[in-house]
Amino acid sequence: MRAFVLLLALAPAPALADAAQLADWWTGVFDNHAQVTANSAPGEPDVPELSRTARRMTVERIAAPKLGTVVVLLHAYKAPDMAIANRARVYVLKDLPDGRVRAVQHFFKDGQTYDRKPTDALAVAAKAPGDFNFYPDCDMFFAFDAKAGRYTGGMPSRMCVYEHATDGFVYAEFDQFVWPRATRYRDRSVKVATGTVRGSIDGFAYLRFRKID
């Protein structure tokens, strides 16, 4: 029994997620050029799970004291129009007592959520919480996977619900991995009434981004 207790005492404590570190790893300019090139090789079957659309993503850490201590601004773009952000979010990252990081999603209240011109970081830094819409069940949670050397996160399954203009209520599903020089995510929506897929990015395959700056 004493030996067992001693082993427990000597065992390393589980690694905890850290909001500042997650922000550092997540910050940068990313593209999926390598994935598109690999998926476009001759002989590859034409299936929806192969990502062949060029994408770019910028993530900036900003000083926005009205919003929180660790704040990042994300813009995602896809070809052919790389000047319009098909996804724009502000995330406030918060350390949780259970060792995870909560990414509180801030949805822009002014204008549309998707397919919008990018918002300047200085303009975002001056905003207050009242300038955004919030859907707490759509926040993301990240845990640190020490063995894999990455953060693993996403929205809790079957929690984030919103009303689509034509398809009624749907669940939003989003999973993400973050490494120091790369990130991957996948995104889809599922109809609440039938459980069938309403839409997905490339067949719910992971978009693979590498940091280029």
N, C-alpha and C. Protein backbone atom coordinates (compact mmCIF):
# COMPACT_ATOMS: atom_id res chain seq x y z
N MET A 1 0.83 -1.20 0.00
CA MET A 1 0.00 0.00 0.00
C MET A 1 0.87 1.26 0.00
N ARG A 2 1.94 1.24 0.86
CA ARG A 2 2.82 2.40 0.91
C ARG A 2 3.49 2.63 -0.44
N ALA A 3 3.90 1.54 -1.11
CA ALA A 3 4.55 1.66 -2.41
C ALA A 3 3.60 2.28 -3.42
N PHE A 4 2.30 1.88 -3.36
CA PHE A 4 1.31 2.41 -4.28
C PHE A 4 1.13 3.91 -4.06
N VAL A 5 1.05 4.32 -2.78
CA VAL A 5 0.90 5.73 -2.45
C VAL A 5 2.12 6.51 -2.93
N LEU A 6 3.31 5.93 -2.76
CA LEU A 6 4.53 6.60 -3.19
C LEU A 6 4.54 6.80 -4.70
N LEU A 7 4.10 5.78 -5.44
CA LEU A 7 4.05 5.90 -6.89
C LEU A 7 3.09 7.01 -7.31
N LEU A 8 1.96 7.12 -6.62
CA LEU A 8 1.02 8.19 -6.93
C LEU A 8 1.65 9.54 -6.66
N ALA A 9 2.42 9.65 -5.59
CA ALA A 9 3.04 10.92 -5.24
C ALA A 9 4.09 11.33 -6.25
N LEU A 10 4.80 10.33 -6.82
CA LEU A 10 5.86 10.62 -7.77
C LEU A 10 5.35 10.81 -9.18
N ALA A 11 4.11 10.34 -9.46
CA ALA A 11 3.58 10.45 -10.82
C ALA A 11 3.38 11.91 -11.19
N PRO A 12 3.72 12.29 -12.41
CA PRO A 12 3.55 13.69 -12.82
C PRO A 12 2.08 14.08 -12.83
N ALA A 13 1.82 15.31 -12.43
CA ALA A 13 0.45 15.81 -12.43
C ALA A 13 -0.04 15.93 -13.87
N PRO A 14 -1.32 15.71 -14.12
CA PRO A 14 -1.83 15.83 -15.48
C PRO A 14 -1.64 17.25 -16.01
N ALA A 15 -1.27 17.38 -17.29
CA ALA A 15 -1.06 18.69 -17.88
C ALA A 15 -2.38 19.43 -17.99
N LEU A 16 -2.36 20.70 -17.66
CA LEU A 16 -3.56 21.51 -17.73
C LEU A 16 -3.50 22.42 -18.94
N ALA A 17 -4.66 22.70 -19.49
CA ALA A 17 -4.73 23.66 -20.58
C ALA A 17 -4.44 25.05 -20.02
N ASP A 18 -3.96 25.94 -20.87
CA ASP A 18 -3.61 27.29 -20.45
C ASP A 18 -4.08 28.26 -21.53
N ALA A 19 -4.91 29.21 -21.14
CA ALA A 19 -5.52 30.12 -22.10
C ALA A 19 -4.47 30.92 -22.87
N ALA A 20 -3.45 31.41 -22.19
CA ALA A 20 -2.42 32.21 -22.86
C ALA A 20 -1.64 31.37 -23.86
N GLN A 21 -1.29 30.13 -23.48
CA GLN A 21 -0.56 29.27 -24.41
C GLN A 21 -1.42 28.91 -25.61
N LEU A 22 -2.69 28.59 -25.38
CA LEU A 22 -3.58 28.28 -26.49
C LEU A 22 -3.66 29.46 -27.45
N ALA A 23 -3.75 30.66 -26.91
CA ALA A 23 -3.79 31.86 -27.77
C ALA A 23 -2.52 32.00 -28.59
N ASP A 24 -1.36 31.74 -27.97
CA ASP A 24 -0.08 31.84 -28.68
C ASP A 24 -0.01 30.83 -29.82
N TRP A 25 -0.42 29.61 -29.56
CA TRP A 25 -0.37 28.57 -30.59
C TRP A 25 -1.35 28.86 -31.71
N TRP A 26 -2.49 29.41 -31.36
CA TRP A 26 -3.58 29.64 -32.31
C TRP A 26 -3.34 30.88 -33.17
N THR A 27 -2.50 31.80 -32.69
CA THR A 27 -2.29 33.06 -33.38
C THR A 27 -1.37 32.89 -34.58
N GLY A 28 -1.73 33.55 -35.69
CA GLY A 28 -0.89 33.50 -36.89
C GLY A 28 -1.71 33.55 -38.15
N VAL A 29 -1.02 33.39 -39.27
CA VAL A 29 -1.67 33.28 -40.58
C VAL A 29 -1.51 31.85 -41.05
N PHE A 30 -2.60 31.23 -41.46
CA PHE A 30 -2.60 29.82 -41.83
C PHE A 30 -3.18 29.64 -43.23
N ASP A 31 -2.77 28.57 -43.92
CA ASP A 31 -3.46 28.18 -45.14
C ASP A 31 -3.49 26.66 -45.25
N ASN A 32 -4.33 26.17 -46.16
CA ASN A 32 -4.47 24.73 -46.35
C ASN A 32 -3.88 24.29 -47.68
N HIS A 33 -2.85 25.00 -48.13
CA HIS A 33 -2.25 24.75 -49.44
C HIS A 33 -1.77 23.30 -49.57
N ALA A 34 -1.10 22.77 -48.55
CA ALA A 34 -0.57 21.41 -48.64
C ALA A 34 -1.70 20.39 -48.78
N GLN A 35 -2.79 20.60 -48.06
CA GLN A 35 -3.93 19.68 -48.15
C GLN A 35 -4.56 19.72 -49.54
N VAL A 36 -4.74 20.91 -50.08
CA VAL A 36 -5.34 21.05 -51.41
C VAL A 36 -4.46 20.38 -52.47
N THR A 37 -3.14 20.60 -52.36
CA THR A 37 -2.22 20.01 -53.32
C THR A 37 -2.28 18.48 -53.27
N ALA A 38 -2.28 17.92 -52.07
CA ALA A 38 -2.34 16.46 -51.92
C ALA A 38 -3.64 15.90 -52.45
N ASN A 39 -4.73 16.58 -52.19
CA ASN A 39 -6.04 16.09 -52.61
C ASN A 39 -6.30 16.28 -54.10
N SER A 40 -5.48 17.11 -54.74
CA SER A 40 -5.66 17.38 -56.17
C SER A 40 -4.74 16.53 -57.04
N ALA A 41 -4.01 15.62 -56.44
CA ALA A 41 -3.08 14.77 -57.20
C ALA A 41 -3.84 13.91 -58.19
N PRO A 42 -3.26 13.64 -59.35
CA PRO A 42 -3.92 12.80 -60.35
C PRO A 42 -4.30 11.44 -59.77
N GLY A 43 -5.50 11.02 -60.10
CA GLY A 43 -5.95 9.72 -59.64
C GLY A 43 -6.77 9.74 -58.38
N GLU A 44 -6.77 10.87 -57.66
CA GLU A 44 -7.58 10.96 -56.45
C GLU A 44 -9.06 10.99 -56.84
N PRO A 45 -9.89 10.20 -56.18
CA PRO A 45 -11.32 10.17 -56.53
C PRO A 45 -11.99 11.50 -56.19
N ASP A 46 -13.01 11.84 -56.93
CA ASP A 46 -13.73 13.08 -56.69
C ASP A 46 -14.84 12.81 -55.67
N VAL A 47 -14.49 12.94 -54.40
CA VAL A 47 -15.44 12.69 -53.32
C VAL A 47 -15.52 13.93 -52.43
N PRO A 48 -16.66 14.14 -51.78
CA PRO A 48 -16.84 15.38 -51.01
C PRO A 48 -15.93 15.51 -49.81
N GLU A 49 -15.31 14.41 -49.36
CA GLU A 49 -14.44 14.48 -48.19
C GLU A 49 -13.06 15.04 -48.50
N LEU A 50 -12.73 15.23 -49.77
CA LEU A 50 -11.43 15.76 -50.15
C LEU A 50 -11.50 17.28 -50.26
N SER A 51 -10.77 17.97 -49.41
CA SER A 51 -10.78 19.43 -49.43
C SER A 51 -9.92 19.94 -50.58
N ARG A 52 -10.56 20.58 -51.53
CA ARG A 52 -9.84 21.10 -52.68
C ARG A 52 -10.04 22.60 -52.86
N THR A 53 -10.68 23.24 -51.90
CA THR A 53 -10.89 24.69 -51.94
C THR A 53 -9.79 25.37 -51.14
N ALA A 54 -9.08 26.31 -51.77
CA ALA A 54 -8.02 27.04 -51.07
C ALA A 54 -8.63 27.91 -49.97
N ARG A 55 -8.02 27.86 -48.81
CA ARG A 55 -8.51 28.61 -47.66
C ARG A 55 -7.35 29.29 -46.94
N ARG A 56 -7.66 30.37 -46.28
CA ARG A 56 -6.68 31.09 -45.47
C ARG A 56 -7.37 31.53 -44.19
N MET A 57 -6.60 31.59 -43.12
CA MET A 57 -7.16 31.97 -41.84
C MET A 57 -6.16 32.85 -41.09
N THR A 58 -6.66 33.94 -40.52
CA THR A 58 -5.83 34.82 -39.72
C THR A 58 -6.38 34.86 -38.29
N VAL A 59 -5.50 34.72 -37.33
CA VAL A 59 -5.89 34.77 -35.93
C VAL A 59 -4.96 35.74 -35.22
N GLU A 60 -5.51 36.79 -34.64
CA GLU A 60 -4.73 37.82 -33.97
C GLU A 60 -5.08 37.87 -32.49
N ARG A 61 -4.08 37.97 -31.65
CA ARG A 61 -4.35 38.23 -30.24
C ARG A 61 -4.40 39.74 -30.06
N ILE A 62 -5.46 40.22 -29.44
CA ILE A 62 -5.66 41.67 -29.31
C ILE A 62 -5.85 42.04 -27.84
N ALA A 63 -5.47 43.28 -27.53
CA ALA A 63 -5.70 43.84 -26.20
C ALA A 63 -7.09 44.45 -26.19
N ALA A 64 -8.03 43.77 -25.55
CA ALA A 64 -9.42 44.24 -25.49
C ALA A 64 -9.91 44.10 -24.06
N PRO A 65 -9.47 45.00 -23.18
CA PRO A 65 -9.77 44.84 -21.75
C PRO A 65 -11.26 44.84 -21.41
N LYS A 66 -12.08 45.44 -22.27
CA LYS A 66 -13.52 45.42 -22.01
C LYS A 66 -14.10 44.02 -22.19
N LEU A 67 -13.41 43.20 -22.96
CA LEU A 67 -13.91 41.86 -23.26
C LEU A 67 -13.29 40.78 -22.37
N GLY A 68 -12.00 40.92 -22.08
CA GLY A 68 -11.35 39.91 -21.26
C GLY A 68 -9.85 40.04 -21.30
N THR A 69 -9.17 39.10 -20.65
CA THR A 69 -7.71 39.14 -20.54
C THR A 69 -7.03 38.53 -21.76
N VAL A 70 -7.56 37.40 -22.24
CA VAL A 70 -6.98 36.71 -23.40
C VAL A 70 -8.03 36.71 -24.51
N VAL A 71 -7.79 37.53 -25.52
CA VAL A 71 -8.78 37.73 -26.58
C VAL A 71 -8.13 37.52 -27.93
N VAL A 72 -8.77 36.77 -28.81
CA VAL A 72 -8.26 36.57 -30.17
C VAL A 72 -9.37 36.89 -31.17
N LEU A 73 -8.93 37.39 -32.31
CA LEU A 73 -9.82 37.74 -33.42
C LEU A 73 -9.52 36.82 -34.59
N LEU A 74 -10.53 36.13 -35.10
CA LEU A 74 -10.35 35.16 -36.17
C LEU A 74 -11.13 35.57 -37.42
N HIS A 75 -10.46 35.47 -38.57
CA HIS A 75 -11.11 35.63 -39.86
C HIS A 75 -10.72 34.43 -40.73
N ALA A 76 -11.70 33.79 -41.34
CA ALA A 76 -11.44 32.67 -42.24
C ALA A 76 -11.92 33.04 -43.64
N TYR A 77 -11.13 32.70 -44.64
CA TYR A 77 -11.42 33.05 -46.02
C TYR A 77 -11.34 31.80 -46.89
N LYS A 78 -12.05 31.83 -48.01
CA LYS A 78 -11.95 30.72 -48.96
C LYS A 78 -12.04 31.27 -50.38
N ALA A 79 -11.40 30.53 -51.29
CA ALA A 79 -11.43 30.92 -52.70
C ALA A 79 -12.86 30.79 -53.23
N PRO A 80 -13.23 31.62 -54.22
CA PRO A 80 -12.35 32.53 -54.97
C PRO A 80 -12.21 33.92 -54.36
N ASP A 81 -13.07 34.29 -53.38
CA ASP A 81 -13.02 35.65 -52.85
C ASP A 81 -12.31 35.64 -51.51
N MET A 82 -11.01 35.91 -51.53
CA MET A 82 -10.21 35.92 -50.31
C MET A 82 -10.28 37.27 -49.59
N ALA A 83 -11.15 38.17 -50.04
CA ALA A 83 -11.27 39.47 -49.39
C ALA A 83 -12.46 39.51 -48.43
N ILE A 84 -13.33 38.51 -48.50
CA ILE A 84 -14.50 38.43 -47.65
C ILE A 84 -14.33 37.27 -46.68
N ALA A 85 -14.52 37.53 -45.41
CA ALA A 85 -14.39 36.49 -44.40
C ALA A 85 -15.66 35.66 -44.34
N ASN A 86 -15.55 34.38 -44.71
CA ASN A 86 -16.73 33.55 -44.62
C ASN A 86 -17.05 33.18 -43.16
N ARG A 87 -16.08 33.39 -42.27
CA ARG A 87 -16.33 33.22 -40.83
C ARG A 87 -15.51 34.25 -40.07
N ALA A 88 -16.14 34.95 -39.15
CA ALA A 88 -15.45 35.97 -38.34
C ALA A 88 -15.92 35.82 -36.89
N ARG A 89 -14.97 35.69 -35.99
CA ARG A 89 -15.31 35.49 -34.58
C ARG A 89 -14.32 36.23 -33.68
N VAL A 90 -14.79 36.60 -32.53
CA VAL A 90 -13.93 37.03 -31.43
C VAL A 90 -14.08 35.98 -30.34
N TYR A 91 -12.95 35.49 -29.84
CA TYR A 91 -12.97 34.50 -28.76
C TYR A 91 -12.29 35.08 -27.52
N VAL A 92 -12.94 34.95 -26.40
CA VAL A 92 -12.32 35.27 -25.12
C VAL A 92 -12.00 33.93 -24.44
N LEU A 93 -10.71 33.69 -24.22
CA LEU A 93 -10.26 32.42 -23.67
C LEU A 93 -10.14 32.52 -22.15
N LYS A 94 -10.75 31.57 -21.46
CA LYS A 94 -10.78 31.61 -20.00
C LYS A 94 -10.35 30.27 -19.42
N ASP A 95 -9.42 30.30 -18.47
CA ASP A 95 -9.01 29.09 -17.77
C ASP A 95 -10.13 28.64 -16.84
N LEU A 96 -10.42 27.36 -16.85
CA LEU A 96 -11.47 26.80 -15.99
C LEU A 96 -10.86 26.00 -14.85
N PRO A 97 -11.57 25.90 -13.73
CA PRO A 97 -11.04 25.14 -12.58
C PRO A 97 -10.74 23.68 -12.89
N ASP A 98 -11.43 23.11 -13.89
CA ASP A 98 -11.22 21.69 -14.20
C ASP A 98 -10.03 21.46 -15.12
N GLY A 99 -9.27 22.52 -15.43
CA GLY A 99 -8.07 22.36 -16.24
C GLY A 99 -8.28 22.55 -17.73
N ARG A 100 -9.48 22.91 -18.13
CA ARG A 100 -9.74 23.19 -19.54
C ARG A 100 -9.75 24.69 -19.79
N VAL A 101 -9.82 25.05 -21.07
CA VAL A 101 -9.99 26.45 -21.47
C VAL A 101 -11.33 26.58 -22.17
N ARG A 102 -12.08 27.57 -21.75
CA ARG A 102 -13.36 27.87 -22.42
C ARG A 102 -13.13 29.01 -23.41
N ALA A 103 -13.51 28.78 -24.67
CA ALA A 103 -13.43 29.82 -25.69
C ALA A 103 -14.84 30.39 -25.87
N VAL A 104 -15.08 31.54 -25.26
CA VAL A 104 -16.40 32.16 -25.32
C VAL A 104 -16.56 32.83 -26.68
N GLN A 105 -17.48 32.33 -27.48
CA GLN A 105 -17.66 32.85 -28.82
C GLN A 105 -18.45 34.17 -28.79
N HIS A 106 -17.87 35.18 -29.40
CA HIS A 106 -18.51 36.48 -29.55
C HIS A 106 -18.90 36.63 -31.03
N PHE A 107 -20.20 36.68 -31.29
CA PHE A 107 -20.70 36.84 -32.65
C PHE A 107 -20.99 38.32 -32.90
N PHE A 108 -20.45 38.85 -33.98
CA PHE A 108 -20.63 40.27 -34.27
C PHE A 108 -22.12 40.61 -34.38
N LYS A 109 -22.52 41.65 -33.67
CA LYS A 109 -23.91 42.08 -33.71
C LYS A 109 -24.18 42.99 -34.90
N ASP A 110 -23.15 43.75 -35.32
CA ASP A 110 -23.32 44.65 -36.46
C ASP A 110 -23.09 43.88 -37.76
N GLY A 111 -24.05 43.92 -38.65
CA GLY A 111 -23.89 43.23 -39.92
C GLY A 111 -24.10 41.73 -39.79
N GLN A 112 -23.76 41.01 -40.83
CA GLN A 112 -23.99 39.57 -40.85
C GLN A 112 -22.84 38.81 -40.21
N THR A 113 -23.15 37.61 -39.75
CA THR A 113 -22.15 36.78 -39.08
C THR A 113 -21.17 36.17 -40.08
N TYR A 114 -21.70 35.78 -41.23
CA TYR A 114 -20.87 35.13 -42.24
C TYR A 114 -20.72 36.03 -43.47
N ASP A 115 -19.66 35.76 -44.24
CA ASP A 115 -19.42 36.49 -45.49
C ASP A 115 -19.46 38.00 -45.27
N ARG A 116 -18.54 38.46 -44.44
CA ARG A 116 -18.47 39.88 -44.11
C ARG A 116 -17.04 40.38 -44.33
N LYS A 117 -16.92 41.66 -44.53
CA LYS A 117 -15.60 42.25 -44.65
C LYS A 117 -14.88 42.13 -43.30
N PRO A 118 -13.57 41.89 -43.33
CA PRO A 118 -12.85 41.74 -42.05
C PRO A 118 -12.93 43.00 -41.21
N THR A 119 -12.98 42.78 -39.91
CA THR A 119 -13.06 43.88 -38.95
C THR A 119 -11.67 44.16 -38.40
N ASP A 120 -11.27 45.42 -38.42
CA ASP A 120 -9.95 45.81 -37.96
C ASP A 120 -9.78 45.48 -36.48
N ALA A 121 -8.59 45.01 -36.12
CA ALA A 121 -8.33 44.61 -34.74
C ALA A 121 -8.50 45.77 -33.77
N LEU A 122 -8.11 46.98 -34.17
CA LEU A 122 -8.25 48.13 -33.28
C LEU A 122 -9.72 48.44 -33.02
N ALA A 123 -10.56 48.24 -34.03
CA ALA A 123 -11.99 48.46 -33.85
C ALA A 123 -12.57 47.44 -32.88
N VAL A 124 -12.11 46.20 -32.99
CA VAL A 124 -12.59 45.16 -32.09
C VAL A 124 -12.12 45.42 -30.67
N ALA A 125 -10.89 45.91 -30.53
CA ALA A 125 -10.34 46.17 -29.19
C ALA A 125 -11.14 47.21 -28.43
N ALA A 126 -11.85 48.08 -29.14
CA ALA A 126 -12.63 49.13 -28.49
C ALA A 126 -14.05 48.68 -28.14
N LYS A 127 -14.44 47.49 -28.58
CA LYS A 127 -15.81 47.03 -28.37
C LYS A 127 -16.03 46.52 -26.95
N ALA A 128 -17.30 46.53 -26.56
CA ALA A 128 -17.72 46.01 -25.26
C ALA A 128 -18.57 44.76 -25.50
N PRO A 129 -18.83 43.96 -24.45
CA PRO A 129 -19.65 42.76 -24.63
C PRO A 129 -21.00 43.04 -25.29
N GLY A 130 -21.57 44.23 -25.03
CA GLY A 130 -22.86 44.57 -25.61
C GLY A 130 -22.85 44.70 -27.11
N ASP A 131 -21.66 44.74 -27.72
CA ASP A 131 -21.55 44.83 -29.18
C ASP A 131 -21.61 43.47 -29.85
N PHE A 132 -21.81 42.40 -29.06
CA PHE A 132 -21.80 41.05 -29.61
C PHE A 132 -23.04 40.28 -29.17
N ASN A 133 -23.34 39.24 -29.94
CA ASN A 133 -24.36 38.27 -29.54
C ASN A 133 -23.66 37.05 -28.94
N PHE A 134 -24.32 36.42 -27.97
CA PHE A 134 -23.74 35.28 -27.29
C PHE A 134 -24.72 34.11 -27.29
N TYR A 135 -24.18 32.92 -27.48
CA TYR A 135 -24.95 31.68 -27.40
C TYR A 135 -24.11 30.71 -26.56
N PRO A 136 -24.28 30.74 -25.24
CA PRO A 136 -23.38 29.98 -24.34
C PRO A 136 -23.23 28.51 -24.69
N ASP A 137 -24.29 27.87 -25.19
CA ASP A 137 -24.19 26.46 -25.54
C ASP A 137 -23.33 26.23 -26.77
N CYS A 138 -22.91 27.34 -27.43
CA CYS A 138 -22.07 27.24 -28.62
C CYS A 138 -20.62 27.61 -28.34
N ASP A 139 -20.27 27.82 -27.08
CA ASP A 139 -18.87 28.06 -26.73
C ASP A 139 -18.07 26.78 -26.95
N MET A 140 -16.75 26.96 -27.12
CA MET A 140 -15.87 25.81 -27.31
C MET A 140 -15.05 25.56 -26.05
N PHE A 141 -14.67 24.30 -25.84
CA PHE A 141 -13.88 23.91 -24.69
C PHE A 141 -12.66 23.13 -25.18
N PHE A 142 -11.49 23.52 -24.67
CA PHE A 142 -10.24 22.89 -25.08
C PHE A 142 -9.56 22.24 -23.88
N ALA A 143 -9.05 21.03 -24.12
CA ALA A 143 -8.22 20.33 -23.14
C ALA A 143 -6.84 20.15 -23.75
N PHE A 144 -5.81 20.08 -22.90
CA PHE A 144 -4.46 19.88 -23.40
C PHE A 144 -4.13 18.40 -23.40
N ASP A 145 -3.74 17.89 -24.56
CA ASP A 145 -3.34 16.50 -24.71
C ASP A 145 -1.82 16.46 -24.73
N ALA A 146 -1.22 16.21 -23.58
CA ALA A 146 0.24 16.26 -23.47
C ALA A 146 0.91 15.21 -24.34
N LYS A 147 0.33 14.03 -24.44
CA LYS A 147 0.93 12.95 -25.22
C LYS A 147 0.99 13.31 -26.70
N ALA A 148 -0.06 13.94 -27.20
CA ALA A 148 -0.11 14.31 -28.62
C ALA A 148 0.47 15.70 -28.87
N GLY A 149 0.76 16.44 -27.79
CA GLY A 149 1.34 17.77 -27.94
C GLY A 149 0.40 18.75 -28.62
N ARG A 150 -0.88 18.70 -28.25
CA ARG A 150 -1.85 19.57 -28.91
C ARG A 150 -3.01 19.88 -27.97
N TYR A 151 -3.77 20.88 -28.36
CA TYR A 151 -5.04 21.17 -27.71
C TYR A 151 -6.15 20.51 -28.52
N THR A 152 -7.08 19.88 -27.82
CA THR A 152 -8.22 19.24 -28.45
C THR A 152 -9.48 19.91 -27.94
N GLY A 153 -10.32 20.36 -28.86
CA GLY A 153 -11.50 21.08 -28.41
C GLY A 153 -12.64 21.07 -29.39
N GLY A 154 -13.66 21.82 -29.06
CA GLY A 154 -14.83 21.92 -29.90
C GLY A 154 -16.04 22.26 -29.07
N MET A 155 -17.19 22.27 -29.72
CA MET A 155 -18.45 22.54 -29.03
C MET A 155 -19.03 21.23 -28.51
N PRO A 156 -19.62 21.23 -27.31
CA PRO A 156 -20.21 20.00 -26.79
C PRO A 156 -21.26 19.45 -27.77
N SER A 157 -21.29 18.13 -27.93
CA SER A 157 -22.19 17.49 -28.89
C SER A 157 -23.65 17.74 -28.53
N ARG A 158 -24.43 18.05 -29.56
CA ARG A 158 -25.88 18.22 -29.45
C ARG A 158 -26.28 19.27 -28.42
N MET A 159 -25.49 20.32 -28.30
CA MET A 159 -25.80 21.41 -27.38
C MET A 159 -26.08 22.71 -28.11
N CYS A 160 -25.28 23.01 -29.13
CA CYS A 160 -25.41 24.29 -29.84
C CYS A 160 -26.54 24.16 -30.87
N VAL A 161 -27.65 24.86 -30.61
CA VAL A 161 -28.81 24.80 -31.49
C VAL A 161 -29.13 26.21 -31.99
N TYR A 162 -29.40 26.29 -33.29
CA TYR A 162 -29.85 27.57 -33.84
C TYR A 162 -30.92 27.30 -34.90
N GLU A 163 -31.67 28.33 -35.25
CA GLU A 163 -32.75 28.17 -36.22
C GLU A 163 -32.27 28.62 -37.59
N HIS A 164 -32.25 27.66 -38.53
CA HIS A 164 -31.87 27.96 -39.91
C HIS A 164 -33.07 28.55 -40.63
N ALA A 165 -32.80 29.46 -41.56
CA ALA A 165 -33.88 30.20 -42.23
C ALA A 165 -34.86 29.29 -42.95
N THR A 166 -34.38 28.20 -43.55
CA THR A 166 -35.27 27.32 -44.32
C THR A 166 -35.38 25.91 -43.76
N ASP A 167 -34.40 25.46 -42.99
CA ASP A 167 -34.38 24.07 -42.52
C ASP A 167 -34.78 23.91 -41.06
N GLY A 168 -35.21 24.98 -40.41
CA GLY A 168 -35.63 24.86 -39.02
C GLY A 168 -34.44 24.75 -38.07
N PHE A 169 -34.69 24.17 -36.90
CA PHE A 169 -33.64 24.10 -35.88
C PHE A 169 -32.61 23.04 -36.24
N VAL A 170 -31.35 23.40 -36.05
CA VAL A 170 -30.25 22.48 -36.34
C VAL A 170 -29.23 22.53 -35.20
N TYR A 171 -28.51 21.41 -35.05
CA TYR A 171 -27.35 21.37 -34.17
C TYR A 171 -26.12 21.80 -34.96
N ALA A 172 -25.27 22.61 -34.34
CA ALA A 172 -23.97 22.93 -34.93
C ALA A 172 -22.93 22.04 -34.29
N GLU A 173 -22.10 21.40 -35.12
CA GLU A 173 -21.02 20.55 -34.62
C GLU A 173 -19.69 21.10 -35.11
N PHE A 174 -18.75 21.24 -34.18
CA PHE A 174 -17.45 21.83 -34.52
C PHE A 174 -16.39 21.21 -33.64
N ASP A 175 -15.35 20.66 -34.26
CA ASP A 175 -14.22 20.06 -33.55
C ASP A 175 -12.93 20.69 -34.06
N GLN A 176 -11.95 20.82 -33.16
CA GLN A 176 -10.69 21.47 -33.56
C GLN A 176 -9.51 20.92 -32.79
N PHE A 177 -8.36 20.87 -33.49
CA PHE A 177 -7.07 20.59 -32.87
C PHE A 177 -6.17 21.81 -33.10
N VAL A 178 -5.32 22.11 -32.11
CA VAL A 178 -4.38 23.23 -32.23
C VAL A 178 -2.99 22.77 -31.79
N TRP A 179 -2.01 22.90 -32.70
CA TRP A 179 -0.60 22.67 -32.41
C TRP A 179 0.14 24.00 -32.47
N PRO A 180 1.41 24.05 -32.08
CA PRO A 180 2.14 25.32 -32.16
C PRO A 180 2.23 25.90 -33.57
N ARG A 181 2.23 25.04 -34.61
CA ARG A 181 2.39 25.52 -35.97
C ARG A 181 1.29 25.05 -36.92
N ALA A 182 0.20 24.57 -36.39
CA ALA A 182 -0.86 24.05 -37.26
C ALA A 182 -2.17 23.98 -36.50
N THR A 183 -3.25 23.91 -37.25
CA THR A 183 -4.57 23.69 -36.65
C THR A 183 -5.44 22.94 -37.65
N ARG A 184 -6.39 22.20 -37.13
CA ARG A 184 -7.37 21.49 -37.96
C ARG A 184 -8.75 21.68 -37.35
N TYR A 185 -9.75 21.79 -38.22
CA TYR A 185 -11.11 21.84 -37.70
C TYR A 185 -12.08 21.25 -38.71
N ARG A 186 -13.25 20.87 -38.22
CA ARG A 186 -14.32 20.40 -39.08
C ARG A 186 -15.64 20.97 -38.57
N ASP A 187 -16.60 21.11 -39.48
CA ASP A 187 -17.81 21.86 -39.15
C ASP A 187 -18.99 21.27 -39.93
N ARG A 188 -20.10 21.06 -39.24
CA ARG A 188 -21.31 20.65 -39.95
C ARG A 188 -22.54 21.00 -39.10
N SER A 189 -23.71 20.92 -39.73
CA SER A 189 -24.97 21.14 -39.02
C SER A 189 -25.90 19.97 -39.28
N VAL A 190 -26.67 19.60 -38.25
CA VAL A 190 -27.55 18.44 -38.29
C VAL A 190 -28.96 18.89 -37.91
N LYS A 191 -29.96 18.50 -38.69
CA LYS A 191 -31.33 18.88 -38.42
C LYS A 191 -31.82 18.22 -37.14
N VAL A 192 -32.37 19.04 -36.24
CA VAL A 192 -32.85 18.53 -34.96
C VAL A 192 -34.01 17.56 -35.16
N ALA A 193 -34.92 17.87 -36.06
CA ALA A 193 -36.14 17.08 -36.22
C ALA A 193 -35.87 15.69 -36.76
N THR A 194 -34.93 15.56 -37.68
CA THR A 194 -34.72 14.28 -38.36
C THR A 194 -33.38 13.62 -38.07
N GLY A 195 -32.42 14.38 -37.55
CA GLY A 195 -31.08 13.84 -37.32
C GLY A 195 -30.25 13.73 -38.57
N THR A 196 -30.75 14.25 -39.68
CA THR A 196 -30.02 14.19 -40.94
C THR A 196 -29.12 15.42 -41.09
N VAL A 197 -28.07 15.28 -41.89
CA VAL A 197 -27.11 16.36 -42.08
C VAL A 197 -27.72 17.46 -42.95
N ARG A 198 -27.70 18.68 -42.46
CA ARG A 198 -28.16 19.81 -43.27
C ARG A 198 -27.05 20.32 -44.17
N GLY A 199 -25.84 20.40 -43.62
CA GLY A 199 -24.71 20.86 -44.41
C GLY A 199 -23.41 20.59 -43.67
N SER A 200 -22.32 20.49 -44.44
CA SER A 200 -21.02 20.25 -43.82
C SER A 200 -19.94 20.80 -44.73
N ILE A 201 -18.78 21.06 -44.15
CA ILE A 201 -17.62 21.46 -44.94
C ILE A 201 -16.90 20.20 -45.38
N ASP A 202 -16.86 19.98 -46.68
CA ASP A 202 -16.11 18.86 -47.26
C ASP A 202 -16.41 17.53 -46.56
N GLY A 203 -17.71 17.23 -46.46
CA GLY A 203 -18.10 15.93 -45.91
C GLY A 203 -17.71 15.72 -44.46
N PHE A 204 -17.60 16.79 -43.69
CA PHE A 204 -17.21 16.74 -42.27
C PHE A 204 -15.78 16.23 -42.10
N ALA A 205 -14.98 16.40 -43.15
CA ALA A 205 -13.55 16.08 -43.04
C ALA A 205 -12.84 17.26 -42.38
N TYR A 206 -11.67 16.98 -41.81
CA TYR A 206 -10.90 18.05 -41.18
C TYR A 206 -10.22 18.91 -42.24
N LEU A 207 -10.35 20.22 -42.11
CA LEU A 207 -9.55 21.16 -42.88
C LEU A 207 -8.22 21.29 -42.18
N ARG A 208 -7.12 21.10 -42.90
CA ARG A 208 -5.79 21.05 -42.30
C ARG A 208 -5.02 22.31 -42.67
N PHE A 209 -4.74 23.12 -41.67
CA PHE A 209 -4.06 24.39 -41.87
C PHE A 209 -2.66 24.35 -41.29
N ARG A 210 -1.71 24.93 -42.01
CA ARG A 210 -0.35 25.11 -41.52
C ARG A 210 -0.08 26.59 -41.34
N LYS A 211 0.67 26.91 -40.30
CA LYS A 211 1.00 28.31 -40.03
C LYS A 211 2.07 28.76 -41.03
N ILE A 212 1.79 29.86 -41.72
CA ILE A 212 2.74 30.38 -42.71
C ILE A 212 3.36 31.69 -42.25
N ASP A 213 2.89 32.25 -41.14
CA ASP A 213 3.44 33.50 -40.62
C ASP A 213 3.12 33.60 -39.13
